[in-house]
Amino acid sequence: MFVPRPLMVLPVGLLLLFLGQQACVNAEVFTALCDMEYLIHMEKDLVDSLEQYIQREEDKLNRIKTIHSRFKAVSKMAGEEPVKHLHHPVNAYLLVKRYTRDWPLLEAWIQEDTAEDFLYNLTKVKESFPSDEDYMGAGKALVRLQDTYDLSTQNIAMGKMGQEMAKATHPDMEFTKSPELWSEDCFELGRLAYVDQDYYHCALWMEEALARFQPDPTSDLTKDTILDYLAYASYQVWLGEEGNQNNIDRAYQATKELLKINPEHTRASNNMQFFEKEIAKTRNLVTPQKEEAESTDRGEYRRDLARDYLPEREIYELLCQAEQPEYFNITPSRVKHLKCRYFNNNNHPRLLLAPQKLEQIFDKPKMWIFHNILEDREMDVIKELAQPRLRRATIQNSVTGELEHASYRISKSAWLQGWEHKVIRRVNQRVEDVTGLTMETAEELQVVNYGMGGHYEPHFDFARKEEKSAFDPKEGNRIATMLFYMSDVEAGGATVFPQVGARLVPEKGAGAFWYNLFKSGEGDMLTRHAACPVLVGSKWVSNKWIHERGQEFRRKCGLSPED
């Protein structure tokens, strides 16, 4: 019978961050990268303080070594002929001196607290440390990126995550690099996946930890610990729908290797017998057809994605990866309607001398990009106003109508009103000018910064009528969306529309516009969209959601999907 590793039994002292007892009050640092910047500066100060402590310790140790060498020399000389040595009065005097002066001095040096300043500095900032929730969130963010962008653990561990996508998207942008991961780093990621009962990713990261393992005097991590987790995770993957014969074989091989290192491992010995029986049974049951299907899997633990159709989740991931299923290809007859032009919205007075650069990027549903609609100094003001007020973004529960946090939306947001600054008033007016829609019933400007792997999975901007507290009748539903991109993103972070295969790449200063409702007031289901996880970089956006009321005689004068 298989003896499982107890889920909540922690391996020896490897999870100081995970088990850290100090929790940050806000506890959501990972949900916005702008809120993590202070950690870089704080760590630099801590490193400087640690360096000073090390210097003091080294100075103290050098003093101790010096006096030790003196004691050793005189002790050796005296020990050869102790009685004769004491016949000399200077020797007798120095012996008494050492006991009354030098040894007490040495004791004082050893008891000297050189760490006081460092510990004071550490304690002073410890309340600002990220919490366990941040640690779990950061780990899950890496796993999310690995999943969404189909990244190998080896490339991530080698510091090559997102380089190809970054070069394709922004060839002239200097790519942000990361260091190679140590074996213990990979183990920690696998351990986080294990705690989350994500055995698929646990197995992947334990394999990488094993491949990179080297004995390290600063770490308690051992090879048999990695093998223990690897065997258990591989077995669990085999039990699930994602498993195949390779997984049970890997569990067997890992356990076999563990027993070579630690033959007295009782649980591993019992599991070996269990694995041998299961392997014999499964090999008798596997058909040639199943073996052929499994041989197409990408990687030893790759999920089986063979299906007759692509569900939304997989379309979403393909679009995030800048790949598009063939059945979404736009025909030439549709492409010819997608044009760029200078746009003054029927000779609007404020646009006559400063027309907007307008590009229609999609036809069904119609979507437009206003290039350079925001200026750099305007975006700087918006970010500066929003940053102190950023709070973790929420979603509205469709059943209860209450606002709540959700794992499928990782970002922080703030709301800015027109009276707060002339730039906000100017942006609101510009949206009204280019769309022809009144801002009287529009929502305030929402500013969003995405955190580690920040994303927002497929959703509608409009509220469906069956939802509780869907919208205020005085304002109506969200008729249209203006989405401003306020930063370039090195890799990832695209806005994708899984129903139609559209993909918008963040372009600093640009604004994407589309209608969420038909003229009948019914929601356009094709506008279902998502914010792909930010692979590398920081993503700032702001939204202007425009509501129905007040648009009755305006919509026909502006951009319209039926025009």
Protein backbone atom coordinates (compact mmCIF):
# COMPACT_ATOMS: atom_id res chain seq x y z
CA MET A 1 0.00 0.00 0.00
CA PHE A 2 1.28 3.47 -0.94
CA VAL A 3 2.37 5.52 2.08
CA PRO A 4 1.84 9.20 1.24
CA ARG A 5 3.93 12.13 2.41
CA PRO A 6 1.75 13.99 4.95
CA LEU A 7 0.54 17.15 3.25
CA MET A 8 1.39 19.59 6.03
CA VAL A 9 4.67 18.06 7.27
CA LEU A 10 7.37 20.64 6.51
CA PRO A 11 10.90 19.59 5.55
CA VAL A 12 13.71 20.67 7.83
CA GLY A 13 13.97 24.48 8.18
CA LEU A 14 13.81 25.44 4.51
CA LEU A 15 10.90 27.80 4.55
CA LEU A 16 11.94 30.79 6.62
CA LEU A 17 10.08 33.18 4.37
CA PHE A 18 7.06 30.94 4.12
CA LEU A 19 6.97 30.37 7.84
CA GLY A 20 8.02 33.92 8.77
CA GLN A 21 6.09 35.07 11.77
CA GLN A 22 6.16 38.74 10.84
CA ALA A 23 3.17 39.65 8.67
CA CYS A 24 2.77 42.92 6.84
CA VAL A 25 -0.43 44.70 7.78
CA ASN A 26 -1.43 45.41 4.18
CA ALA A 27 -0.27 41.94 3.09
CA GLU A 28 -0.93 42.51 -0.63
CA VAL A 29 2.42 43.82 -1.86
CA PHE A 30 2.50 41.31 -4.73
CA THR A 31 -0.69 42.67 -6.33
CA ALA A 32 0.96 45.86 -7.66
CA LEU A 33 4.58 46.24 -8.77
CA CYS A 34 4.67 49.94 -7.90
CA ASP A 35 4.09 48.96 -4.26
CA MET A 36 7.12 46.65 -4.34
CA GLU A 37 9.63 49.33 -5.36
CA TYR A 38 10.24 50.39 -1.76
CA LEU A 39 11.38 46.82 -0.97
CA ILE A 40 14.38 47.30 -3.30
CA HIS A 41 15.50 50.45 -1.46
CA MET A 42 14.82 48.91 1.94
CA GLU A 43 16.86 45.82 1.10
CA LYS A 44 19.78 47.99 -0.04
CA ASP A 45 19.79 49.71 3.35
CA LEU A 46 19.65 46.34 5.10
CA VAL A 47 22.53 45.00 3.00
CA ASP A 48 24.62 48.08 3.89
CA SER A 49 23.82 47.60 7.57
CA LEU A 50 24.68 43.90 7.33
CA GLU A 51 27.98 44.77 5.69
CA GLN A 52 28.85 47.04 8.62
CA TYR A 53 27.96 44.26 11.05
CA ILE A 54 30.18 41.79 9.17
CA GLN A 55 33.07 44.26 9.25
CA ARG A 56 32.69 44.65 13.02
CA GLU A 57 32.55 40.88 13.45
CA GLU A 58 35.67 40.46 11.32
CA ASP A 59 37.50 43.14 13.32
CA LYS A 60 36.52 41.39 16.55
CA LEU A 61 37.56 38.00 15.20
CA ASN A 62 40.92 39.39 14.08
CA ARG A 63 41.53 40.73 17.59
CA ILE A 64 40.61 37.34 19.05
CA LYS A 65 42.89 35.55 16.55
CA THR A 66 45.77 37.84 17.44
CA ILE A 67 45.50 37.23 21.16
CA HIS A 68 44.95 33.52 20.51
CA SER A 69 48.23 33.28 18.61
CA ARG A 70 50.05 35.01 21.49
CA PHE A 71 48.48 32.72 24.10
CA LYS A 72 49.28 29.68 21.97
CA ALA A 73 52.94 30.61 21.58
CA VAL A 74 53.57 31.29 25.27
CA SER A 75 51.52 28.25 26.31
CA LYS A 76 53.59 26.02 24.07
CA MET A 77 56.83 27.44 25.45
CA ALA A 78 55.66 27.10 29.07
CA GLY A 79 54.31 23.60 28.55
CA GLU A 80 57.67 22.17 27.58
CA GLU A 81 59.15 22.71 31.09
CA PRO A 82 56.50 24.31 33.32
CA VAL A 83 58.53 24.40 36.54
CA LYS A 84 61.62 25.82 34.88
CA HIS A 85 59.46 28.32 33.00
CA LEU A 86 58.11 29.72 36.28
CA HIS A 87 61.62 30.12 37.67
CA HIS A 88 61.89 33.27 35.64
CA PRO A 89 60.03 36.15 37.41
CA VAL A 90 58.89 37.76 34.11
CA ASN A 91 57.22 34.51 33.09
CA ALA A 92 55.45 34.28 36.42
CA TYR A 93 54.34 37.89 36.17
CA LEU A 94 52.99 37.43 32.62
CA LEU A 95 51.09 34.30 33.64
CA VAL A 96 49.33 36.19 36.42
CA LYS A 97 48.74 39.11 34.07
CA ARG A 98 47.09 36.87 31.48
CA TYR A 99 44.68 35.50 34.04
CA THR A 100 43.84 38.83 35.63
CA ARG A 101 43.86 41.05 32.56
CA ASP A 102 44.06 39.27 29.19
CA TRP A 103 41.57 36.43 29.64
CA PRO A 104 38.89 38.77 31.11
CA LEU A 105 39.57 41.15 28.19
CA LEU A 106 39.10 38.28 25.75
CA GLU A 107 35.85 37.33 27.47
CA ALA A 108 34.62 40.93 27.05
CA TRP A 109 35.52 40.91 23.37
CA ILE A 110 33.64 37.66 22.80
CA GLN A 111 30.61 38.98 24.66
CA GLU A 112 30.72 42.25 22.71
CA ASP A 113 27.41 42.71 20.86
CA THR A 114 28.44 43.86 17.40
CA ALA A 115 25.00 42.96 16.01
CA GLU A 116 23.09 45.55 18.04
CA ASP A 117 22.94 48.22 15.32
CA PHE A 118 22.05 45.73 12.60
CA LEU A 119 19.32 44.10 14.67
CA TYR A 120 17.93 47.53 15.53
CA ASN A 121 17.75 48.48 11.83
CA LEU A 122 16.21 45.13 10.97
CA THR A 123 13.57 45.37 13.70
CA LYS A 124 12.73 48.93 12.70
CA VAL A 125 11.70 47.93 9.14
CA LYS A 126 10.42 44.42 9.83
CA GLU A 127 6.80 45.56 9.99
CA SER A 128 7.10 46.55 6.32
CA PHE A 129 8.24 43.09 5.26
CA PRO A 130 6.01 41.17 2.80
CA SER A 131 3.76 38.61 4.43
CA ASP A 132 3.22 34.89 3.95
CA GLU A 133 0.31 35.80 1.68
CA ASP A 134 2.69 37.86 -0.48
CA TYR A 135 5.12 34.95 -0.65
CA MET A 136 2.38 32.55 -1.72
CA GLY A 137 1.02 35.12 -4.17
CA ALA A 138 4.46 35.70 -5.71
CA GLY A 139 5.03 31.97 -6.11
CA LYS A 140 1.62 31.44 -7.68
CA ALA A 141 2.31 34.34 -10.02
CA LEU A 142 5.39 32.59 -11.39
CA VAL A 143 3.44 29.37 -11.84
CA ARG A 144 0.64 31.32 -13.58
CA LEU A 145 3.13 32.85 -15.99
CA GLN A 146 4.67 29.44 -16.61
CA ASP A 147 1.23 28.03 -17.42
CA THR A 148 -0.15 30.88 -19.52
CA TYR A 149 2.97 31.35 -21.63
CA ASP A 150 3.97 27.67 -21.79
CA LEU A 151 7.39 28.36 -20.26
CA SER A 152 9.86 25.66 -19.33
CA THR A 153 11.19 25.49 -15.80
CA GLN A 154 14.70 25.31 -17.26
CA ASN A 155 14.39 28.65 -19.09
CA ILE A 156 12.91 30.33 -16.02
CA ALA A 157 15.68 28.92 -13.84
CA MET A 158 18.32 30.07 -16.35
CA GLY A 159 17.00 33.66 -16.25
CA LYS A 160 15.64 33.56 -19.81
CA MET A 161 11.95 33.99 -19.02
CA GLY A 162 10.13 36.07 -21.64
CA GLN A 163 13.20 37.08 -23.68
CA GLU A 164 11.85 35.86 -27.03
CA MET A 165 8.47 37.54 -26.57
CA ALA A 166 10.13 40.77 -25.40
CA LYS A 167 12.38 40.89 -28.48
CA ALA A 168 9.41 40.27 -30.78
CA THR A 169 7.23 42.92 -29.10
CA HIS A 170 9.82 45.60 -28.31
CA PRO A 171 13.06 44.87 -30.24
CA ASP A 172 14.64 48.19 -29.22
CA MET A 173 13.82 47.94 -25.51
CA GLU A 174 16.52 46.82 -23.08
CA PHE A 175 15.37 43.56 -21.56
CA THR A 176 15.15 43.22 -17.77
CA LYS A 177 17.25 40.25 -16.67
CA SER A 178 17.00 37.93 -13.71
CA PRO A 179 19.72 35.79 -12.08
CA GLU A 180 19.83 32.02 -12.39
CA LEU A 181 17.93 30.18 -9.69
CA TRP A 182 19.67 27.99 -7.15
CA SER A 183 18.48 24.49 -6.44
CA GLU A 184 16.86 25.74 -3.23
CA ASP A 185 14.98 28.46 -5.16
CA CYS A 186 13.52 25.80 -7.45
CA PHE A 187 12.73 23.59 -4.46
CA GLU A 188 10.85 26.45 -2.77
CA LEU A 189 8.69 26.99 -5.87
CA GLY A 190 7.95 23.27 -5.98
CA ARG A 191 7.19 23.35 -2.27
CA LEU A 192 4.69 26.19 -2.75
CA ALA A 193 2.98 24.21 -5.50
CA TYR A 194 2.93 21.18 -3.18
CA VAL A 195 1.25 23.14 -0.37
CA ASP A 196 -1.30 24.36 -2.95
CA GLN A 197 -1.80 20.70 -4.01
CA ASP A 198 -0.60 21.61 -7.51
CA TYR A 199 1.38 18.42 -8.01
CA TYR A 200 1.93 18.99 -11.73
CA HIS A 201 4.05 22.10 -11.14
CA CYS A 202 5.53 20.62 -7.97
CA ALA A 203 6.97 17.77 -10.03
CA LEU A 204 8.36 20.17 -12.66
CA TRP A 205 10.15 22.32 -10.10
CA MET A 206 11.44 19.37 -8.09
CA GLU A 207 13.00 18.01 -11.30
CA GLU A 208 14.74 21.35 -11.82
CA ALA A 209 15.85 21.46 -8.18
CA LEU A 210 17.29 17.96 -8.58
CA ALA A 211 19.14 18.88 -11.79
CA ARG A 212 20.71 21.92 -10.09
CA PHE A 213 21.44 20.34 -6.72
CA GLN A 214 24.90 20.84 -5.25
CA PRO A 215 25.71 20.41 -1.54
CA ASP A 216 25.60 23.84 0.06
CA PRO A 217 26.88 24.49 3.61
CA THR A 218 24.46 27.44 3.93
CA SER A 219 21.40 25.28 3.20
CA ASP A 220 19.67 22.37 4.93
CA LEU A 221 18.31 21.08 1.61
CA THR A 222 19.29 17.51 0.83
CA LYS A 223 18.98 15.46 -2.32
CA ASP A 224 16.80 12.83 -0.68
CA THR A 225 14.33 15.54 0.40
CA ILE A 226 13.94 16.66 -3.23
CA LEU A 227 13.51 13.06 -4.39
CA ASP A 228 10.88 12.46 -1.70
CA TYR A 229 8.75 15.37 -2.95
CA LEU A 230 9.38 14.45 -6.59
CA ALA A 231 8.22 10.89 -6.10
CA TYR A 232 5.06 11.92 -4.28
CA ALA A 233 4.18 14.68 -6.78
CA SER A 234 4.76 12.38 -9.76
CA TYR A 235 2.50 9.78 -8.21
CA GLN A 236 -0.22 12.35 -7.59
CA VAL A 237 0.00 13.59 -11.20
CA TRP A 238 -0.37 9.98 -12.35
CA LEU A 239 -3.48 9.59 -10.18
CA GLY A 240 -5.10 12.67 -11.72
CA GLU A 241 -6.51 13.11 -15.19
CA GLU A 242 -3.32 14.80 -16.32
CA GLY A 243 -1.11 11.80 -15.66
CA ASN A 244 0.32 9.09 -17.89
CA GLN A 245 2.64 6.12 -17.65
CA ASN A 246 5.70 8.39 -17.51
CA ASN A 247 4.57 9.82 -14.17
CA ILE A 248 4.31 6.53 -12.28
CA ASP A 249 7.64 5.46 -13.80
CA ARG A 250 9.21 8.71 -12.59
CA ALA A 251 7.79 8.20 -9.09
CA TYR A 252 9.37 4.73 -9.07
CA GLN A 253 12.78 5.95 -10.30
CA ALA A 254 12.86 8.85 -7.82
CA THR A 255 12.04 6.50 -4.94
CA LYS A 256 14.70 4.06 -6.12
CA GLU A 257 17.31 6.84 -6.16
CA LEU A 258 16.17 8.02 -2.72
CA LEU A 259 16.75 4.53 -1.28
CA LYS A 260 20.30 4.48 -2.65
CA ILE A 261 20.99 7.60 -0.58
CA ASN A 262 18.97 6.56 2.46
CA PRO A 263 18.35 2.76 2.52
CA GLU A 264 16.66 3.04 5.92
CA HIS A 265 13.82 5.22 4.58
CA THR A 266 10.85 3.05 5.63
CA ARG A 267 8.14 4.90 3.71
CA ALA A 268 10.19 4.87 0.50
CA SER A 269 10.78 1.11 0.86
CA ASN A 270 7.06 0.46 1.19
CA ASN A 271 6.28 2.74 -1.74
CA MET A 272 8.78 0.90 -3.97
CA GLN A 273 6.77 -2.29 -3.65
CA PHE A 274 3.53 -0.40 -4.32
CA PHE A 275 4.95 1.33 -7.43
CA GLU A 276 6.24 -1.95 -8.84
CA LYS A 277 2.76 -3.49 -8.60
CA GLU A 278 1.06 -0.43 -10.12
CA ILE A 279 3.54 -0.24 -13.01
CA ALA A 280 2.97 -3.91 -13.79
CA LYS A 281 -0.81 -3.40 -13.79
CA THR A 282 -0.78 -0.23 -15.92
CA ARG A 283 1.53 -1.72 -18.54
CA ASN A 284 -0.88 -4.57 -19.03
CA LEU A 285 -3.79 -2.11 -19.46
CA VAL A 286 -2.20 0.51 -21.75
CA THR A 287 -3.36 0.16 -25.36
CA PRO A 288 -1.20 1.10 -28.38
CA GLN A 289 -3.61 3.94 -29.17
CA LYS A 290 -3.17 5.44 -25.71
CA GLU A 291 0.60 5.12 -25.91
CA GLU A 292 0.61 6.92 -29.26
CA ALA A 293 -1.54 9.75 -27.92
CA GLU A 294 0.67 10.13 -24.86
CA SER A 295 3.84 10.24 -26.95
CA THR A 296 2.70 13.57 -28.39
CA ASP A 297 2.76 15.26 -24.97
CA ARG A 298 5.26 18.13 -24.70
CA GLY A 299 7.55 17.21 -21.82
CA GLU A 300 7.37 14.45 -19.26
CA TYR A 301 4.60 16.08 -17.25
CA ARG A 302 2.87 17.97 -20.10
CA ARG A 303 -0.92 18.11 -19.80
CA ASP A 304 -2.88 16.29 -22.51
CA LEU A 305 -4.39 19.08 -24.60
CA ALA A 306 -5.74 16.92 -27.45
CA ARG A 307 -9.37 17.93 -27.97
CA ASP A 308 -11.77 18.39 -30.86
CA TYR A 309 -12.18 22.07 -29.99
CA LEU A 310 -10.38 24.80 -28.10
CA PRO A 311 -12.17 25.97 -24.94
CA GLU A 312 -11.95 29.61 -23.91
CA ARG A 313 -9.11 29.03 -21.46
CA GLU A 314 -6.83 27.61 -24.14
CA ILE A 315 -7.74 30.31 -26.67
CA TYR A 316 -6.96 32.88 -24.01
CA GLU A 317 -3.52 31.35 -23.38
CA LEU A 318 -2.73 31.08 -27.11
CA LEU A 319 -3.64 34.72 -27.66
CA CYS A 320 -1.50 35.74 -24.68
CA GLN A 321 1.37 33.85 -26.34
CA ALA A 322 0.75 35.84 -29.55
CA GLU A 323 -0.52 32.74 -31.29
CA GLN A 324 -3.93 32.64 -32.97
CA PRO A 325 -6.05 29.59 -33.89
CA GLU A 326 -6.46 29.42 -37.67
CA TYR A 327 -10.24 29.73 -37.60
CA PHE A 328 -9.80 33.30 -36.26
CA ASN A 329 -7.84 34.48 -39.31
CA ILE A 330 -9.43 37.63 -40.77
CA THR A 331 -10.31 37.43 -44.47
CA PRO A 332 -8.93 40.03 -46.92
CA SER A 333 -12.43 41.40 -47.43
CA ARG A 334 -12.55 42.26 -43.70
CA VAL A 335 -9.00 43.55 -43.52
CA LYS A 336 -9.62 46.22 -46.17
CA HIS A 337 -12.01 48.00 -43.78
CA LEU A 338 -9.34 48.33 -41.07
CA LYS A 339 -7.77 51.73 -41.71
CA CYS A 340 -5.79 54.49 -40.03
CA ARG A 341 -6.76 58.13 -40.30
CA TYR A 342 -6.70 61.49 -38.58
CA PHE A 343 -10.01 61.90 -36.80
CA ASN A 344 -11.78 65.11 -35.80
CA ASN A 345 -15.20 63.61 -34.99
CA ASN A 346 -17.26 65.53 -37.52
CA ASN A 347 -15.23 68.74 -37.22
CA HIS A 348 -15.43 68.97 -33.45
CA PRO A 349 -14.05 72.42 -32.48
CA ARG A 350 -11.41 71.01 -30.11
CA LEU A 351 -10.26 68.46 -32.68
CA LEU A 352 -10.04 70.64 -35.79
CA LEU A 353 -6.53 71.87 -35.03
CA ALA A 354 -5.47 68.74 -33.13
CA PRO A 355 -7.11 65.71 -34.74
CA GLN A 356 -6.53 62.31 -33.15
CA LYS A 357 -4.61 59.46 -34.79
CA LEU A 358 -7.31 56.82 -35.08
CA GLU A 359 -6.82 53.21 -36.16
CA GLN A 360 -9.62 50.68 -36.51
CA ILE A 361 -8.01 47.44 -35.42
CA PHE A 362 -10.99 45.07 -35.51
CA ASP A 363 -14.36 44.88 -37.21
CA LYS A 364 -16.52 42.35 -35.33
CA PRO A 365 -16.87 43.84 -32.80
CA LYS A 366 -15.53 47.18 -33.94
CA MET A 367 -12.52 48.33 -31.93
CA TRP A 368 -10.39 51.42 -32.35
CA ILE A 369 -7.03 52.64 -31.06
CA PHE A 370 -6.40 56.34 -30.46
CA HIS A 371 -2.62 56.62 -30.74
CA ASN A 372 -0.91 59.18 -28.45
CA ILE A 373 -4.22 60.28 -26.98
CA LEU A 374 -2.45 60.81 -23.62
CA GLU A 375 0.73 62.83 -23.17
CA ASP A 376 3.63 61.70 -20.98
CA ARG A 377 3.14 64.50 -18.46
CA GLU A 378 -0.57 63.65 -18.19
CA MET A 379 0.19 60.01 -17.47
CA ASP A 380 2.79 61.01 -14.87
CA VAL A 381 0.21 63.14 -13.05
CA ILE A 382 -2.39 60.36 -13.15
CA LYS A 383 0.08 57.81 -11.71
CA GLU A 384 1.27 60.25 -9.06
CA LEU A 385 -2.30 60.94 -7.91
CA ALA A 386 -3.31 57.29 -7.94
CA GLN A 387 -0.32 55.54 -6.35
CA PRO A 388 -0.95 56.52 -2.69
CA ARG A 389 -4.54 55.31 -3.00
CA LEU A 390 -4.01 52.02 -4.80
CA ARG A 391 -6.00 49.18 -3.23
CA ARG A 392 -6.39 45.61 -4.35
CA ALA A 393 -8.89 45.43 -7.22
CA THR A 394 -12.25 43.77 -6.56
CA ILE A 395 -14.97 42.09 -8.60
CA GLN A 396 -18.72 42.15 -8.01
CA ASN A 397 -20.16 38.82 -6.94
CA SER A 398 -22.91 38.06 -9.48
CA VAL A 399 -25.01 36.32 -6.81
CA THR A 400 -24.65 38.57 -3.77
CA GLY A 401 -23.77 41.81 -5.52
CA GLU A 402 -20.96 42.33 -2.98
CA LEU A 403 -17.45 43.48 -3.93
CA GLU A 404 -14.77 40.91 -3.18
CA HIS A 405 -11.20 39.91 -4.05
CA ALA A 406 -10.65 37.16 -6.61
CA SER A 407 -7.61 35.12 -7.65
CA TYR A 408 -8.47 35.74 -11.31
CA ARG A 409 -7.91 39.49 -10.89
CA ILE A 410 -4.50 40.46 -9.53
CA SER A 411 -3.93 44.21 -9.56
CA LYS A 412 -4.45 47.35 -7.50
CA SER A 413 -6.68 50.22 -8.51
CA ALA A 414 -7.66 53.75 -7.50
CA TRP A 415 -10.40 56.12 -8.65
CA LEU A 416 -9.73 59.73 -9.64
CA GLN A 417 -12.39 62.41 -9.88
CA GLY A 418 -12.40 65.42 -12.17
CA TRP A 419 -12.35 68.01 -9.38
CA GLU A 420 -9.04 66.66 -8.07
CA HIS A 421 -6.83 67.91 -10.89
CA LYS A 422 -7.09 69.73 -14.19
CA VAL A 423 -5.43 66.79 -15.98
CA ILE A 424 -8.28 64.48 -14.95
CA ARG A 425 -10.84 67.03 -16.16
CA ARG A 426 -8.92 67.39 -19.43
CA VAL A 427 -8.82 63.60 -20.00
CA ASN A 428 -12.55 63.28 -19.27
CA GLN A 429 -13.28 66.06 -21.77
CA ARG A 430 -11.05 64.44 -24.39
CA VAL A 431 -12.92 61.14 -24.07
CA GLU A 432 -16.19 62.99 -24.60
CA ASP A 433 -14.77 64.86 -27.61
CA VAL A 434 -13.45 61.78 -29.46
CA THR A 435 -16.37 59.45 -28.68
CA GLY A 436 -19.23 61.92 -28.86
CA LEU A 437 -20.59 60.44 -25.63
CA THR A 438 -21.40 62.45 -22.50
CA MET A 439 -19.35 61.92 -19.36
CA GLU A 440 -22.21 62.96 -17.07
CA THR A 441 -23.09 59.36 -16.23
CA ALA A 442 -19.60 57.91 -16.79
CA GLU A 443 -17.65 56.39 -13.93
CA GLU A 444 -14.63 58.14 -12.48
CA LEU A 445 -11.25 57.40 -14.03
CA GLN A 446 -10.03 54.06 -12.72
CA VAL A 447 -6.24 53.69 -12.56
CA VAL A 448 -4.73 50.19 -12.35
CA ASN A 449 -1.25 48.85 -11.73
CA TYR A 450 -0.72 45.12 -12.21
CA GLY A 451 1.40 43.09 -9.80
CA MET A 452 3.54 39.99 -10.24
CA GLY A 453 1.98 38.05 -13.09
CA GLY A 454 -0.86 40.59 -12.80
CA HIS A 455 -3.88 39.62 -14.87
CA TYR A 456 -7.66 39.72 -15.19
CA GLU A 457 -9.18 36.59 -16.69
CA PRO A 458 -11.97 36.71 -19.36
CA HIS A 459 -14.88 38.93 -18.31
CA PHE A 460 -17.46 41.39 -19.63
CA ASP A 461 -17.34 45.09 -18.84
CA PHE A 462 -21.12 45.33 -19.04
CA ALA A 463 -23.40 43.88 -16.38
CA ARG A 464 -25.80 41.16 -17.39
CA LYS A 465 -29.37 41.79 -16.41
CA GLU A 466 -29.65 38.63 -14.32
CA GLU A 467 -26.87 39.86 -12.04
CA LYS A 468 -27.91 41.22 -8.67
CA SER A 469 -27.48 45.02 -8.45
CA ALA A 470 -26.31 44.92 -12.06
CA PHE A 471 -26.45 48.68 -12.59
CA ASP A 472 -28.12 51.86 -11.40
CA PRO A 473 -31.22 52.54 -13.54
CA LYS A 474 -30.41 56.26 -13.37
CA GLU A 475 -27.10 55.62 -15.12
CA GLY A 476 -27.79 52.47 -17.10
CA ASN A 477 -25.31 49.79 -18.11
CA ARG A 478 -21.76 50.32 -19.37
CA ILE A 479 -22.34 51.24 -22.99
CA ALA A 480 -18.65 51.65 -23.90
CA THR A 481 -15.09 51.29 -22.64
CA MET A 482 -12.08 53.55 -23.14
CA LEU A 483 -8.93 51.74 -22.00
CA PHE A 484 -5.78 53.88 -21.74
CA TYR A 485 -2.36 52.20 -21.78
CA MET A 486 -0.01 54.26 -19.60
CA SER A 487 3.14 52.14 -19.96
CA ASP A 488 4.85 49.89 -22.44
CA VAL A 489 5.24 46.31 -21.23
CA GLU A 490 8.40 44.37 -22.02
CA ALA A 491 6.61 41.04 -22.43
CA GLY A 492 3.03 39.90 -21.90
CA GLY A 493 0.19 42.05 -20.58
CA ALA A 494 -1.84 42.08 -23.81
CA THR A 495 -5.61 42.64 -23.87
CA VAL A 496 -7.21 39.70 -25.66
CA PHE A 497 -10.72 38.89 -26.87
CA PRO A 498 -11.07 35.06 -26.85
CA GLN A 499 -14.44 35.05 -28.66
CA VAL A 500 -13.00 36.67 -31.79
CA GLY A 501 -9.22 36.21 -31.56
CA ALA A 502 -8.36 39.91 -31.21
CA ARG A 503 -5.21 40.96 -29.35
CA LEU A 504 -4.16 44.46 -28.26
CA VAL A 505 -0.53 45.04 -27.23
CA PRO A 506 -0.01 47.78 -24.60
CA GLU A 507 1.28 50.98 -26.23
CA LYS A 508 2.10 53.84 -23.92
CA GLY A 509 -0.18 56.82 -24.49
CA ALA A 510 -2.73 54.90 -26.61
CA GLY A 511 -6.41 54.43 -25.84
CA ALA A 512 -8.51 51.45 -26.97
CA PHE A 513 -12.23 52.04 -27.44
CA TRP A 514 -15.14 49.69 -28.05
CA TYR A 515 -18.87 49.49 -27.44
CA ASN A 516 -20.09 46.91 -24.93
CA LEU A 517 -23.79 47.24 -25.88
CA PHE A 518 -25.72 47.19 -29.11
CA LYS A 519 -28.08 50.08 -29.78
CA SER A 520 -30.85 47.83 -28.47
CA GLY A 521 -29.18 47.86 -25.05
CA GLU A 522 -28.30 44.17 -25.23
CA GLY A 523 -24.75 43.20 -24.34
CA ASP A 524 -22.33 42.30 -27.11
CA MET A 525 -21.01 38.90 -26.04
CA LEU A 526 -18.08 39.20 -28.45
CA THR A 527 -16.56 41.92 -26.23
CA ARG A 528 -15.61 39.38 -23.58
CA HIS A 529 -11.95 40.14 -22.94
CA ALA A 530 -9.04 39.55 -20.58
CA ALA A 531 -5.80 41.13 -19.41
CA CYS A 532 -2.99 38.63 -19.98
CA PRO A 533 -0.48 38.20 -17.15
CA VAL A 534 2.43 40.63 -17.22
CA LEU A 535 5.43 38.45 -18.03
CA VAL A 536 8.17 41.07 -17.68
CA GLY A 537 7.66 44.76 -16.97
CA SER A 538 5.13 46.96 -15.21
CA LYS A 539 1.68 47.59 -16.64
CA TRP A 540 -0.26 50.77 -15.90
CA VAL A 541 -3.70 51.32 -17.41
CA SER A 542 -6.68 53.54 -16.74
CA ASN A 543 -10.30 52.96 -17.68
CA LYS A 544 -13.19 55.23 -18.48
CA TRP A 545 -16.45 53.26 -18.38
CA ILE A 546 -19.25 55.18 -20.07
CA HIS A 547 -22.88 54.48 -19.14
CA GLU A 548 -26.08 54.49 -21.18
CA ARG A 549 -28.06 57.40 -19.77
CA GLY A 550 -27.54 60.67 -21.60
CA GLN A 551 -26.31 58.97 -24.77
CA GLU A 552 -29.73 58.67 -26.45
CA PHE A 553 -29.02 61.50 -28.92
CA ARG A 554 -25.22 61.34 -28.88
CA ARG A 555 -24.21 57.86 -29.95
CA LYS A 556 -25.16 58.35 -33.58
CA CYS A 557 -22.86 61.38 -33.74
CA GLY A 558 -19.74 59.50 -32.60
CA LEU A 559 -17.98 56.23 -33.35
CA SER A 560 -20.57 53.49 -33.78
CA PRO A 561 -20.24 49.74 -34.36
CA GLU A 562 -23.16 49.82 -36.75
CA ASP A 563 -21.74 52.65 -38.90
